[in-house]
C-alpha cells in the first residue's frame, strides 16, 4: 500500500484544489508515482453530456495524470452545494465503504495519493451521519490544513486546528495560500504558528491567474515536498 495525505481547508474556496494540484505535480516531478483522489465533489461540469469532476480535471491537467476520472472521484454531483444536499437532490446514497475501497485501489497502484476534501472539516457528506472528518479517520491519514493568508484567517485556522485535535486527527502542518507579501499577512502567519504550534509547511503566493497551469507549476517548483512525506 502506498502512502497518502488528506488536504482539508479552513473554509470553502481557500484554494485546496490549487494546492492539491501543485503538490501532486511537484511529487510527480520528484519521481514519486502520485495520484489525486477527490472522494466527493459537488458542482461538476457538463461536457459533451457528461458530468465531469472539474477539480479532478484541473489537478489532472496540472500534474499530467493518466488516470480515469471514475478512479479518482467516487461521487460527482451537479449542484454546487454541500455534498449531503447535492446527494439528496440527486437521489444518491453515499456509501462510505465505496470511498474507502476506491482509495485503497489507488493506494495499491500508486506510491502516494493526495486526497482532497470538500469545503471545511465539518462539511456533511451524509446528513447527521458522515462528515469530512469521519472520512479522514476512515482513510487513516494525516491532514494538511490549507488556509488563506488574509484577514480572518487566524480565527478560521485556529478553530479548524482545535477541532481536528478534538477528533484525534494528526496534523502534518499548514499551507498558507494566496500570499501577497503584505505586512498583515506576515503577522497572521506568525500568530497562527504561535497559537497552534503547528508547522507552516509552505506559503504559496497569489498567482495572476489561479487557473494557469504554467503559473501553478512555477509556484510549486519552489515548494519543498519533503516536508509532507
Protein backbone atom coordinates (compact mmCIF):
# COMPACT_ATOMS: atom_id res chain seq x y z
CA UNK A 1 0.00 0.00 0.00
CA UNK A 2 1.20 3.49 -0.84
CA UNK A 3 1.26 6.48 1.44
CA UNK A 4 -1.04 9.46 1.40
CA UNK A 5 -2.14 12.78 2.85
CA UNK A 6 -5.54 14.42 3.22
CA UNK A 7 -5.95 18.08 2.22
CA UNK A 8 -8.54 19.95 4.28
CA UNK A 9 -9.47 23.62 4.22
CA UNK A 10 -10.45 26.19 6.80
CA UNK A 11 -13.38 27.12 4.56
CA UNK A 12 -14.61 26.69 1.02
CA UNK A 13 -12.65 28.47 -1.73
CA UNK A 14 -9.40 28.74 0.24
CA UNK A 15 -7.50 27.09 -2.60
CA UNK A 16 -7.49 23.39 -1.70
CA UNK A 17 -7.64 22.33 -5.34
CA UNK A 18 -4.91 24.82 -6.29
CA UNK A 19 -2.64 23.46 -3.56
CA UNK A 20 -3.57 19.84 -4.29
CA UNK A 21 -2.72 20.29 -7.96
CA UNK A 22 0.61 21.87 -7.10
CA UNK A 23 1.55 19.16 -4.62
CA UNK A 24 0.65 16.30 -6.97
CA UNK A 25 2.62 18.00 -9.74
CA UNK A 26 5.70 18.51 -7.56
CA UNK A 27 5.59 15.00 -6.13
CA UNK A 28 5.50 13.58 -9.66
CA UNK A 29 8.36 15.87 -10.66
CA UNK A 30 10.47 14.42 -7.86
CA UNK A 31 9.90 10.94 -9.30
CA UNK A 32 7.17 9.74 -6.95
CA UNK A 33 4.29 7.92 -8.65
CA UNK A 34 1.42 10.06 -7.36
CA UNK A 35 -2.31 10.41 -7.94
CA UNK A 36 -5.18 12.53 -6.63
CA UNK A 37 -8.39 11.29 -5.01
CA UNK A 38 -11.43 13.53 -4.61
CA UNK A 39 -13.99 11.29 -2.87
CA UNK A 40 -16.98 13.61 -3.18
CA UNK A 41 -17.39 16.61 -5.47
CA UNK A 42 -20.36 18.91 -5.94
CA UNK A 43 -20.57 21.47 -8.71
CA UNK A 44 -19.48 19.17 -11.52
CA UNK A 45 -19.13 20.48 -15.08
CA UNK A 46 -21.20 19.27 -18.02
CA UNK A 47 -19.05 18.41 -21.03
CA UNK A 48 -20.47 16.55 -24.04
CA UNK A 49 -23.49 15.50 -21.98
CA UNK A 50 -21.23 14.02 -19.32
CA UNK A 51 -20.78 15.31 -15.77
CA UNK A 52 -17.06 15.95 -15.22
CA UNK A 53 -15.45 16.44 -11.78
CA UNK A 54 -13.91 19.84 -12.51
CA UNK A 55 -11.47 19.87 -9.58
CA UNK A 56 -10.13 16.46 -10.57
CA UNK A 57 -9.84 17.55 -14.20
CA UNK A 58 -7.84 20.58 -13.09
CA UNK A 59 -5.42 18.53 -10.99
CA UNK A 60 -5.11 16.01 -13.81
CA UNK A 61 -4.12 18.76 -16.26
CA UNK A 62 -1.66 20.49 -13.91
CA UNK A 63 0.05 17.27 -12.81
CA UNK A 64 -0.19 15.42 -16.12
CA UNK A 65 -2.04 12.46 -14.64
CA UNK A 66 -3.01 9.48 -16.77
CA UNK A 67 -5.92 8.04 -14.83
CA UNK A 68 -9.67 7.70 -15.42
CA UNK A 69 -11.99 10.14 -13.65
CA UNK A 70 -14.05 7.37 -12.07
CA UNK A 71 -10.94 6.05 -10.33
CA UNK A 72 -10.09 9.47 -8.86
CA UNK A 73 -13.60 10.50 -7.84
CA UNK A 74 -16.22 8.34 -6.12
CA UNK A 75 -19.18 10.73 -6.31
CA UNK A 76 -19.76 13.76 -8.56
CA UNK A 77 -22.87 15.94 -8.32
CA UNK A 78 -24.06 18.81 -10.48
CA UNK A 79 -25.41 21.17 -7.81
CA UNK A 80 -22.67 23.41 -6.29
CA UNK A 81 -23.86 22.92 -2.72
CA UNK A 82 -22.81 20.92 0.32
CA UNK A 83 -22.34 17.25 -0.66
CA UNK A 84 -25.12 15.96 1.58
CA UNK A 85 -27.67 18.23 -0.13
CA UNK A 86 -26.28 17.51 -3.60
CA UNK A 87 -26.58 13.78 -2.95
CA UNK A 88 -30.12 14.10 -1.62
CA UNK A 89 -31.21 16.15 -4.63
CA UNK A 90 -29.67 13.52 -6.92
CA UNK A 91 -31.30 10.63 -5.01
CA UNK A 92 -27.89 9.11 -4.38
CA UNK A 93 -26.93 7.31 -1.17
CA UNK A 94 -23.25 7.93 -0.47
CA UNK A 95 -21.56 4.73 0.69
CA UNK A 96 -18.55 5.37 2.90
CA UNK A 97 -17.23 1.85 2.22
CA UNK A 98 -17.11 2.63 -1.50
CA UNK A 99 -14.96 5.67 -0.71
CA UNK A 100 -12.61 3.54 1.38
CA UNK A 101 -12.42 0.88 -1.33
CA UNK A 102 -11.75 3.45 -4.06
CA UNK A 103 -8.96 5.00 -2.01
CA UNK A 104 -7.42 1.59 -1.30
CA UNK A 105 -7.37 0.75 -5.02
CA UNK A 106 -5.43 3.94 -5.77
CA UNK A 107 -3.15 3.34 -2.81
CA UNK A 108 -2.30 -0.11 -4.14
CA UNK A 109 -1.50 1.33 -7.58
CA UNK A 110 0.43 4.48 -6.62
CA UNK A 111 3.25 5.30 -4.23
CA UNK A 112 1.45 8.36 -2.91
CA UNK A 113 -2.17 9.57 -3.01
CA UNK A 114 -3.19 13.16 -2.26
CA UNK A 115 -6.81 13.19 -1.07
CA UNK A 116 -8.76 16.44 -1.34
CA UNK A 117 -11.75 17.06 0.89
CA UNK A 118 -14.79 19.23 0.20
CA UNK A 119 -15.08 22.59 1.94
CA UNK A 120 -14.14 22.57 5.62
CA UNK A 121 -13.67 19.67 8.02
CA UNK A 122 -17.23 19.68 9.37
CA UNK A 123 -18.93 19.59 5.97
CA UNK A 124 -21.66 16.90 5.99
CA UNK A 125 -21.34 14.10 3.45
CA UNK A 126 -24.42 12.22 4.70
CA UNK A 127 -26.87 14.26 6.76
CA UNK A 128 -26.34 13.81 10.51
CA UNK A 129 -24.17 10.74 9.90
CA UNK A 130 -20.97 11.29 7.96
CA UNK A 131 -18.65 14.29 7.77
CA UNK A 132 -15.31 15.17 6.19
CA UNK A 133 -13.53 14.48 9.48
CA UNK A 134 -15.07 10.98 9.52
CA UNK A 135 -13.66 10.40 6.05
CA UNK A 136 -10.19 11.43 7.25
CA UNK A 137 -10.41 8.89 10.06
CA UNK A 138 -11.77 6.18 7.75
CA UNK A 139 -8.78 6.60 5.43
CA UNK A 140 -6.39 6.80 8.41
CA UNK A 141 -4.47 9.77 7.01
CA UNK A 142 -2.71 12.78 8.42
CA UNK A 143 -4.01 16.14 7.24
CA UNK A 144 -2.58 19.30 5.77
CA UNK A 145 -4.68 22.37 6.53
CA UNK A 146 -4.93 24.90 3.69
CA UNK A 147 -5.77 28.41 4.83
CA UNK A 148 -5.92 31.94 3.46
CA UNK A 149 -3.21 34.48 4.09
CA UNK A 150 -5.56 37.45 4.51
CA UNK A 151 -7.95 38.95 7.01
CA UNK A 152 -9.99 36.44 9.03
CA UNK A 153 -7.57 33.58 8.66
CA UNK A 154 -6.40 33.48 12.29
CA UNK A 155 -9.83 32.65 13.67
CA UNK A 156 -10.71 30.15 10.93
CA UNK A 157 -7.36 28.39 11.13
CA UNK A 158 -7.18 28.09 14.91
CA UNK A 159 -10.75 26.78 15.12
CA UNK A 160 -10.03 24.21 12.41
CA UNK A 161 -6.84 23.04 14.14
CA UNK A 162 -8.56 22.74 17.52
CA UNK A 163 -11.47 20.80 16.05
CA UNK A 164 -9.13 18.35 14.31
CA UNK A 165 -7.29 17.83 17.60
CA UNK A 166 -10.60 17.18 19.38
CA UNK A 167 -11.19 14.34 16.91
CA UNK A 168 -7.67 12.94 17.45
CA UNK A 169 -6.69 13.60 13.84
CA UNK A 170 -2.97 14.03 13.24
CA UNK A 171 -1.98 17.31 11.60
CA UNK A 172 1.05 17.36 9.33
CA UNK A 173 1.06 21.14 9.13
CA UNK A 174 -0.41 24.22 7.48
CA UNK A 175 -0.08 25.62 3.97
CA UNK A 176 -0.92 29.30 3.61
CA UNK A 177 -2.39 30.14 0.22
CA UNK A 178 -2.90 33.40 -1.66
CA UNK A 179 0.01 35.28 -0.07
CA UNK A 180 0.68 38.77 -1.46
CA UNK A 181 3.57 39.81 0.76
CA UNK A 182 1.70 42.29 2.94
CA UNK A 183 2.78 43.06 6.50
CA UNK A 184 -0.52 41.90 7.99
CA UNK A 185 -0.32 38.55 6.18
CA UNK A 186 3.13 38.02 7.68
CA UNK A 187 1.68 38.82 11.10
CA UNK A 188 -1.25 36.44 10.52
CA UNK A 189 1.14 33.62 9.71
CA UNK A 190 3.26 34.27 12.79
CA UNK A 191 0.24 34.41 15.09
CA UNK A 192 -1.21 31.19 13.65
CA UNK A 193 2.12 29.48 14.22
CA UNK A 194 2.39 30.82 17.78
CA UNK A 195 -1.16 29.91 18.81
CA UNK A 196 -1.34 26.46 17.23
CA UNK A 197 2.27 25.34 17.45
CA UNK A 198 1.82 23.69 14.05
CA UNK A 199 4.41 23.79 11.28
CA UNK A 200 3.91 26.17 8.38
CA UNK A 201 4.78 23.76 5.58
CA UNK A 202 4.66 26.40 2.88
CA UNK A 203 3.44 29.84 1.88
CA UNK A 204 2.01 29.91 -1.63
CA UNK A 205 1.97 33.21 -3.50
CA UNK A 206 -1.17 34.51 -5.12
CA UNK A 207 -0.88 34.00 -8.87
CA UNK A 208 -2.18 36.33 -11.56
CA UNK A 209 -4.35 33.53 -12.89
CA UNK A 210 -5.26 30.74 -10.48
CA UNK A 211 -6.23 28.53 -13.43
CA UNK A 212 -2.93 28.94 -15.27
CA UNK A 213 -1.13 25.60 -15.38
CA UNK A 214 2.21 27.28 -16.02
CA UNK A 215 1.85 29.67 -13.07
CA UNK A 216 0.90 26.88 -10.68
CA UNK A 217 3.81 24.73 -11.81
CA UNK A 218 6.23 27.64 -11.47
CA UNK A 219 4.97 28.37 -7.96
CA UNK A 220 5.25 24.77 -6.77
CA UNK A 221 8.63 24.21 -8.40
CA UNK A 222 9.87 26.17 -5.35
CA UNK A 223 7.96 24.02 -2.85
CA UNK A 224 9.85 21.51 -0.71
CA UNK A 225 7.63 18.42 -0.78
CA UNK A 226 9.95 16.53 1.57
CA UNK A 227 8.11 18.24 4.43
CA UNK A 228 4.86 16.42 3.63
CA UNK A 229 6.31 12.92 3.23
